[in-house]
């Protein structure tokens, strides 16, 4: 059974879920059970399969029946070992993707005036996830 943990982003009233180690089948089943679709309009099945060959990825899945509902946002990690530098780097990398998507979704385009917000959010997401993964 998948047990993702949630990172609240109170200032934007959003949340990010961290999925550590579920298989492709388990993750897709979880997303579907919550009423979301993993595939975006331009994503092919081959694209989805390719994602699961990586160490991790960020995703934002649209709700299938309620288009006004906020997307399910998550970082999937193949597995996380704090002693493995590739895993630590993957978490940081995906935290940046999450920060970019979250801030764009809330209307904050990346520019000279907003770059601190992007940096702080990426840092927050990374350290919150890292702390929980390393407990």
C-alpha atoms as a PDB file:
ATOM      1  CA  UNK A   1       0.000   0.000   0.000  1.00  0.00           C
ATOM      2  CA  UNK A   2       1.322   3.430  -0.943  1.00  0.00           C
ATOM      3  CA  UNK A   3       1.745   5.910   1.880  1.00  0.00           C
ATOM      4  CA  UNK A   4       2.958   9.180   0.454  1.00  0.00           C
ATOM      5  CA  UNK A   5       3.691  11.982   2.824  1.00  0.00           C
ATOM      6  CA  UNK A   6       2.447  15.498   2.363  1.00  0.00           C
ATOM      7  CA  UNK A   7       4.374  18.752   2.447  1.00  0.00           C
ATOM      8  CA  UNK A   8       1.993  21.655   3.102  1.00  0.00           C
ATOM      9  CA  UNK A   9       2.628  24.901   1.245  1.00  0.00           C
ATOM     10  CA  UNK A  10       0.466  27.117   3.414  1.00  0.00           C
ATOM     11  CA  UNK A  11       1.218  30.456   1.778  1.00  0.00           C
ATOM     12  CA  UNK A  12      -0.271  29.205  -1.519  1.00  0.00           C
ATOM     13  CA  UNK A  13      -2.797  26.819   0.085  1.00  0.00           C
ATOM     14  CA  UNK A  14      -1.298  23.905  -1.847  1.00  0.00           C
ATOM     15  CA  UNK A  15       0.459  20.671  -1.000  1.00  0.00           C
ATOM     16  CA  UNK A  16       3.090  18.402  -2.486  1.00  0.00           C
ATOM     17  CA  UNK A  17       3.126  14.637  -2.009  1.00  0.00           C
ATOM     18  CA  UNK A  18       6.310  12.586  -1.903  1.00  0.00           C
ATOM     19  CA  UNK A  19       6.083   9.018  -3.182  1.00  0.00           C
ATOM     20  CA  UNK A  20       9.147   7.004  -2.189  1.00  0.00           C
ATOM     21  CA  UNK A  21       9.556   3.694  -3.925  1.00  0.00           C
ATOM     22  CA  UNK A  22       6.187   2.589  -5.305  1.00  0.00           C
ATOM     23  CA  UNK A  23       6.178   0.769  -8.610  1.00  0.00           C
ATOM     24  CA  UNK A  24       4.738   2.351 -11.728  1.00  0.00           C
ATOM     25  CA  UNK A  25       1.589   0.248 -11.352  1.00  0.00           C
ATOM     26  CA  UNK A  26       1.122   1.190  -7.683  1.00  0.00           C
ATOM     27  CA  UNK A  27       1.566   4.909  -8.338  1.00  0.00           C
ATOM     28  CA  UNK A  28      -0.804   4.993 -11.305  1.00  0.00           C
ATOM     29  CA  UNK A  29      -3.413   3.006  -9.354  1.00  0.00           C
ATOM     30  CA  UNK A  30      -3.133   5.434  -6.409  1.00  0.00           C
ATOM     31  CA  UNK A  31      -3.533   8.469  -8.663  1.00  0.00           C
ATOM     32  CA  UNK A  32      -6.563   6.974 -10.415  1.00  0.00           C
ATOM     33  CA  UNK A  33      -8.179   5.984  -7.088  1.00  0.00           C
ATOM     34  CA  UNK A  34      -7.934   9.627  -5.957  1.00  0.00           C
ATOM     35  CA  UNK A  35      -9.831  10.741  -9.083  1.00  0.00           C
ATOM     36  CA  UNK A  36      -6.871  12.062 -11.059  1.00  0.00           C
ATOM     37  CA  UNK A  37      -5.365  11.261 -14.430  1.00  0.00           C
ATOM     38  CA  UNK A  38      -1.618  10.811 -14.679  1.00  0.00           C
ATOM     39  CA  UNK A  39      -1.454  11.509 -18.388  1.00  0.00           C
ATOM     40  CA  UNK A  40      -1.601  15.070 -19.597  1.00  0.00           C
ATOM     41  CA  UNK A  41      -3.106  15.875 -22.985  1.00  0.00           C
ATOM     42  CA  UNK A  42       0.191  15.635 -24.918  1.00  0.00           C
ATOM     43  CA  UNK A  43       1.707  12.725 -22.985  1.00  0.00           C
ATOM     44  CA  UNK A  44       1.963   9.367 -24.721  1.00  0.00           C
ATOM     45  CA  UNK A  45       2.179   5.971 -23.049  1.00  0.00           C
ATOM     46  CA  UNK A  46       5.822   5.825 -24.151  1.00  0.00           C
ATOM     47  CA  UNK A  47       6.452   9.114 -22.318  1.00  0.00           C
ATOM     48  CA  UNK A  48       4.944   7.683 -19.130  1.00  0.00           C
ATOM     49  CA  UNK A  49       7.004   4.499 -19.425  1.00  0.00           C
ATOM     50  CA  UNK A  50      10.168   6.541 -19.946  1.00  0.00           C
ATOM     51  CA  UNK A  51       9.523   8.494 -16.735  1.00  0.00           C
ATOM     52  CA  UNK A  52       9.689   5.296 -14.717  1.00  0.00           C
ATOM     53  CA  UNK A  53      13.213   4.558 -16.020  1.00  0.00           C
ATOM     54  CA  UNK A  54      14.480   7.671 -14.183  1.00  0.00           C
ATOM     55  CA  UNK A  55      15.557   7.999 -10.548  1.00  0.00           C
ATOM     56  CA  UNK A  56      12.585  10.282  -9.944  1.00  0.00           C
ATOM     57  CA  UNK A  57      10.238  12.830 -11.467  1.00  0.00           C
ATOM     58  CA  UNK A  58       7.790  15.585 -10.596  1.00  0.00           C
ATOM     59  CA  UNK A  59       4.187  15.423 -11.788  1.00  0.00           C
ATOM     60  CA  UNK A  60       0.963  17.401 -11.554  1.00  0.00           C
ATOM     61  CA  UNK A  61      -2.104  15.303 -12.399  1.00  0.00           C
ATOM     62  CA  UNK A  62      -5.385  16.903 -13.322  1.00  0.00           C
ATOM     63  CA  UNK A  63      -8.600  15.806 -11.599  1.00  0.00           C
ATOM     64  CA  UNK A  64     -10.707  13.766 -14.010  1.00  0.00           C
ATOM     65  CA  UNK A  65     -14.157  14.961 -12.977  1.00  0.00           C
ATOM     66  CA  UNK A  66     -13.671  18.286 -11.205  1.00  0.00           C
ATOM     67  CA  UNK A  67     -11.642  20.636 -13.417  1.00  0.00           C
ATOM     68  CA  UNK A  68     -11.783  23.322 -10.707  1.00  0.00           C
ATOM     69  CA  UNK A  69      -9.951  21.088  -8.246  1.00  0.00           C
ATOM     70  CA  UNK A  70      -6.246  21.752  -7.793  1.00  0.00           C
ATOM     71  CA  UNK A  71      -3.921  19.225  -9.464  1.00  0.00           C
ATOM     72  CA  UNK A  72      -2.416  16.392  -7.437  1.00  0.00           C
ATOM     73  CA  UNK A  73       1.245  17.362  -7.261  1.00  0.00           C
ATOM     74  CA  UNK A  74       3.917  14.878  -6.394  1.00  0.00           C
ATOM     75  CA  UNK A  75       7.507  13.794  -6.578  1.00  0.00           C
ATOM     76  CA  UNK A  76       8.057  10.116  -7.314  1.00  0.00           C
ATOM     77  CA  UNK A  77      11.376   8.625  -6.237  1.00  0.00           C
ATOM     78  CA  UNK A  78      12.533   5.153  -7.231  1.00  0.00           C
ATOM     79  CA  UNK A  79      13.920   4.915  -3.730  1.00  0.00           C
ATOM     80  CA  UNK A  80      15.791   7.270  -1.435  1.00  0.00           C
ATOM     81  CA  UNK A  81      19.024   6.567   0.382  1.00  0.00           C
ATOM     82  CA  UNK A  82      20.646   9.591   2.024  1.00  0.00           C
ATOM     83  CA  UNK A  83      24.074   8.018   1.460  1.00  0.00           C
ATOM     84  CA  UNK A  84      23.507   7.886  -2.300  1.00  0.00           C
ATOM     85  CA  UNK A  85      24.443  11.257  -3.770  1.00  0.00           C
ATOM     86  CA  UNK A  86      22.407  10.556  -6.933  1.00  0.00           C
ATOM     87  CA  UNK A  87      19.260  10.203  -4.797  1.00  0.00           C
ATOM     88  CA  UNK A  88      19.965  13.448  -2.926  1.00  0.00           C
ATOM     89  CA  UNK A  89      20.567  15.264  -6.218  1.00  0.00           C
ATOM     90  CA  UNK A  90      17.380  13.821  -7.724  1.00  0.00           C
ATOM     91  CA  UNK A  91      15.334  15.085  -4.787  1.00  0.00           C
ATOM     92  CA  UNK A  92      16.806  18.594  -5.149  1.00  0.00           C
ATOM     93  CA  UNK A  93      16.277  18.553  -8.923  1.00  0.00           C
ATOM     94  CA  UNK A  94      12.638  17.499  -8.631  1.00  0.00           C
ATOM     95  CA  UNK A  95      12.040  20.034  -5.839  1.00  0.00           C
ATOM     96  CA  UNK A  96      13.052  22.773  -8.283  1.00  0.00           C
ATOM     97  CA  UNK A  97      10.579  21.440 -10.878  1.00  0.00           C
ATOM     98  CA  UNK A  98       7.857  21.411  -8.215  1.00  0.00           C
ATOM     99  CA  UNK A  99       8.621  24.994  -7.146  1.00  0.00           C
ATOM    100  CA  UNK A 100       8.519  26.202 -10.759  1.00  0.00           C
ATOM    101  CA  UNK A 101       5.183  24.521 -11.434  1.00  0.00           C
ATOM    102  CA  UNK A 102       3.582  25.636  -8.177  1.00  0.00           C
ATOM    103  CA  UNK A 103       4.579  29.253  -8.592  1.00  0.00           C
ATOM    104  CA  UNK A 104       3.522  29.387 -12.242  1.00  0.00           C
ATOM    105  CA  UNK A 105       0.200  27.811 -11.291  1.00  0.00           C
ATOM    106  CA  UNK A 106      -0.335  30.572  -8.729  1.00  0.00           C
ATOM    107  CA  UNK A 107       0.503  33.284 -11.284  1.00  0.00           C
ATOM    108  CA  UNK A 108       4.120  34.006 -10.372  1.00  0.00           C
ATOM    109  CA  UNK A 109       6.214  33.881 -13.531  1.00  0.00           C
ATOM    110  CA  UNK A 110       9.947  33.464 -13.059  1.00  0.00           C
ATOM    111  CA  UNK A 111      11.660  36.820 -13.509  1.00  0.00           C
ATOM    112  CA  UNK A 112      14.098  39.061 -11.682  1.00  0.00           C
ATOM    113  CA  UNK A 113      11.439  40.159  -9.224  1.00  0.00           C
ATOM    114  CA  UNK A 114      10.261  36.648  -8.332  1.00  0.00           C
ATOM    115  CA  UNK A 115      13.440  34.584  -8.316  1.00  0.00           C
ATOM    116  CA  UNK A 116      13.776  34.730  -4.512  1.00  0.00           C
ATOM    117  CA  UNK A 117      10.303  33.200  -4.133  1.00  0.00           C
ATOM    118  CA  UNK A 118      11.343  30.376  -6.461  1.00  0.00           C
ATOM    119  CA  UNK A 119      14.595  29.802  -4.585  1.00  0.00           C
ATOM    120  CA  UNK A 120      12.946  29.807  -1.156  1.00  0.00           C
ATOM    121  CA  UNK A 121      10.156  27.477  -2.239  1.00  0.00           C
ATOM    122  CA  UNK A 122      12.578  24.991  -3.859  1.00  0.00           C
ATOM    123  CA  UNK A 123      14.709  25.076  -0.704  1.00  0.00           C
ATOM    124  CA  UNK A 124      11.674  24.556   1.547  1.00  0.00           C
ATOM    125  CA  UNK A 125      10.344  21.627  -0.507  1.00  0.00           C
ATOM    126  CA  UNK A 126      13.755  19.965  -0.647  1.00  0.00           C
ATOM    127  CA  UNK A 127      14.519  20.219   3.063  1.00  0.00           C
ATOM    128  CA  UNK A 128      11.002  19.246   4.170  1.00  0.00           C
ATOM    129  CA  UNK A 129      11.104  16.151   1.951  1.00  0.00           C
ATOM    130  CA  UNK A 130      14.688  15.284   2.919  1.00  0.00           C
ATOM    131  CA  UNK A 131      13.897  15.539   6.621  1.00  0.00           C
ATOM    132  CA  UNK A 132      10.914  13.206   6.319  1.00  0.00           C
ATOM    133  CA  UNK A 133      12.717  10.745   4.031  1.00  0.00           C
ATOM    134  CA  UNK A 134      15.652  10.484   6.417  1.00  0.00           C
ATOM    135  CA  UNK A 135      13.632   9.809   9.598  1.00  0.00           C
END
